[in-house]
Amino acid sequence: MANALNISSEEELLQLREEGKISEQEYAELLGTIRRSPGNQASKELPAEPQFQAFRKRILVGGFIICLLGVIFGLILDLPLVWGLGFLGIIVIPLKSRINNKLRQQKQDS
């Protein structure tokens, strides 16, 4: 059904191009967008996805380092809330990372 909708949309685009309502460049851009639509399984992963995953990993590693520093300085300066939140972060960050990895694997499997 989704494939039939894409074909119909491509035909409409071709008709608009032939009538001169859109340019060749606009036609090419819109055709590429239609072919990458969620209903079309031609491309499962967008090109920006690996960059976003790398960015997310850097943020998690940075947060982990900040939590470690919080625990160290919290213990040295006798600040129980600081080291308590640091320990909480040390526990939560790996859990979040594992959840993200599982979700990414499920997305790739389907």
Protein backbone atom coordinates (compact mmCIF):
# COMPACT_ATOMS: atom_id res chain seq x y z
CA MET A 1 0.00 0.00 0.00
CA ALA A 2 2.76 2.45 0.94
CA ASN A 3 4.65 1.50 -2.21
CA ALA A 4 1.55 2.28 -4.31
CA LEU A 5 1.32 5.68 -2.65
CA ASN A 6 4.97 6.38 -3.48
CA ILE A 7 4.42 5.44 -7.14
CA SER A 8 1.37 7.69 -7.28
CA SER A 9 3.35 10.54 -5.74
CA GLU A 10 6.19 10.02 -8.20
CA GLU A 11 3.72 10.15 -11.09
CA GLU A 12 2.25 13.39 -9.73
CA LEU A 13 5.74 14.84 -9.42
CA LEU A 14 6.55 13.87 -12.99
CA GLN A 15 3.34 15.50 -14.16
CA LEU A 16 4.20 18.75 -12.30
CA ARG A 17 7.64 18.75 -13.88
CA GLU A 18 6.21 18.20 -17.36
CA GLU A 19 3.74 21.06 -16.84
CA GLY A 20 6.63 23.33 -15.85
CA LYS A 21 5.32 23.97 -12.33
CA ILE A 22 8.54 22.72 -10.72
CA SER A 23 12.14 22.81 -11.94
CA GLU A 24 14.43 19.83 -12.57
CA GLN A 25 16.31 20.49 -9.35
CA GLU A 26 13.10 20.65 -7.29
CA TYR A 27 11.91 17.46 -8.98
CA ALA A 28 15.13 15.64 -8.08
CA GLU A 29 15.00 16.82 -4.45
CA LEU A 30 11.34 15.90 -4.00
CA LEU A 31 11.80 12.53 -5.69
CA GLY A 32 14.69 11.74 -3.34
CA THR A 33 12.55 12.73 -0.37
CA ILE A 34 9.70 10.48 -1.49
CA ARG A 35 12.02 7.53 -1.96
CA ARG A 36 13.47 8.01 1.55
CA SER A 37 10.04 8.29 3.18
CA PRO A 38 9.27 6.06 6.21
CA GLY A 39 6.91 3.90 4.15
CA ASN A 40 9.71 3.07 1.74
CA GLN A 41 12.34 0.75 3.22
CA ALA A 42 15.02 1.67 0.65
CA SER A 43 17.20 3.36 3.29
CA LYS A 44 16.81 2.36 6.92
CA GLU A 45 19.45 4.63 8.45
CA LEU A 46 19.86 8.29 7.65
CA PRO A 47 23.42 9.54 7.02
CA ALA A 48 23.33 11.77 10.12
CA GLU A 49 22.47 8.86 12.43
CA PRO A 50 26.09 7.66 13.06
CA GLN A 51 27.21 11.22 13.81
CA PHE A 52 24.38 11.63 16.31
CA GLN A 53 25.25 8.32 17.97
CA ALA A 54 28.89 9.41 18.29
CA PHE A 55 27.77 12.75 19.77
CA ARG A 56 25.51 10.96 22.28
CA LYS A 57 28.38 8.68 23.31
CA ARG A 58 30.71 11.67 23.84
CA ILE A 59 28.08 13.35 26.02
CA LEU A 60 27.63 10.19 28.12
CA VAL A 61 31.40 9.78 28.56
CA GLY A 62 31.72 13.45 29.53
CA GLY A 63 28.90 13.08 32.05
CA PHE A 64 30.56 10.00 33.49
CA ILE A 65 33.84 11.89 33.96
CA ILE A 66 32.03 14.80 35.64
CA CYS A 67 30.29 12.36 37.99
CA LEU A 68 33.61 10.77 38.91
CA LEU A 69 35.05 14.21 39.67
CA GLY A 70 31.94 14.99 41.72
CA VAL A 71 32.46 11.87 43.82
CA ILE A 72 36.14 12.63 44.36
CA PHE A 73 35.70 16.29 45.27
CA GLY A 74 32.54 15.57 47.25
CA LEU A 75 34.41 13.10 49.43
CA ILE A 76 37.45 15.37 49.80
CA LEU A 77 35.38 18.45 50.71
CA ASP A 78 32.86 16.44 52.77
CA LEU A 79 29.85 17.39 50.63
CA PRO A 80 27.42 14.45 50.85
CA LEU A 81 24.98 15.78 48.24
CA VAL A 82 27.76 16.21 45.69
CA TRP A 83 29.23 12.73 46.07
CA GLY A 84 25.74 11.25 46.37
CA LEU A 85 24.70 12.75 43.04
CA GLY A 86 28.04 11.67 41.60
CA PHE A 87 27.39 8.05 42.58
CA LEU A 88 23.88 8.31 41.16
CA GLY A 89 25.30 9.54 37.86
CA ILE A 90 27.88 6.75 37.81
CA ILE A 91 25.03 4.25 38.17
CA VAL A 92 22.61 5.89 35.70
CA ILE A 93 24.99 6.67 32.81
CA PRO A 94 25.99 3.03 32.07
CA LEU A 95 22.34 1.96 32.35
CA LYS A 96 21.32 4.64 29.86
CA SER A 97 24.12 3.60 27.54
CA ARG A 98 22.98 -0.06 27.65
CA ILE A 99 19.37 0.92 26.99
CA ASN A 100 20.44 3.04 24.01
CA ASN A 101 22.49 0.13 22.61
CA LYS A 102 19.57 -2.30 22.99
CA LEU A 103 17.17 0.11 21.28
CA ARG A 104 19.62 0.68 18.44
CA GLN A 105 20.06 -3.09 17.93
CA GLN A 106 16.28 -3.64 17.91
CA LYS A 107 15.94 -0.86 15.34
CA GLN A 108 18.60 -2.44 13.13
CA ASP A 109 17.09 -5.93 13.45
CA SER A 110 13.66 -4.82 12.30
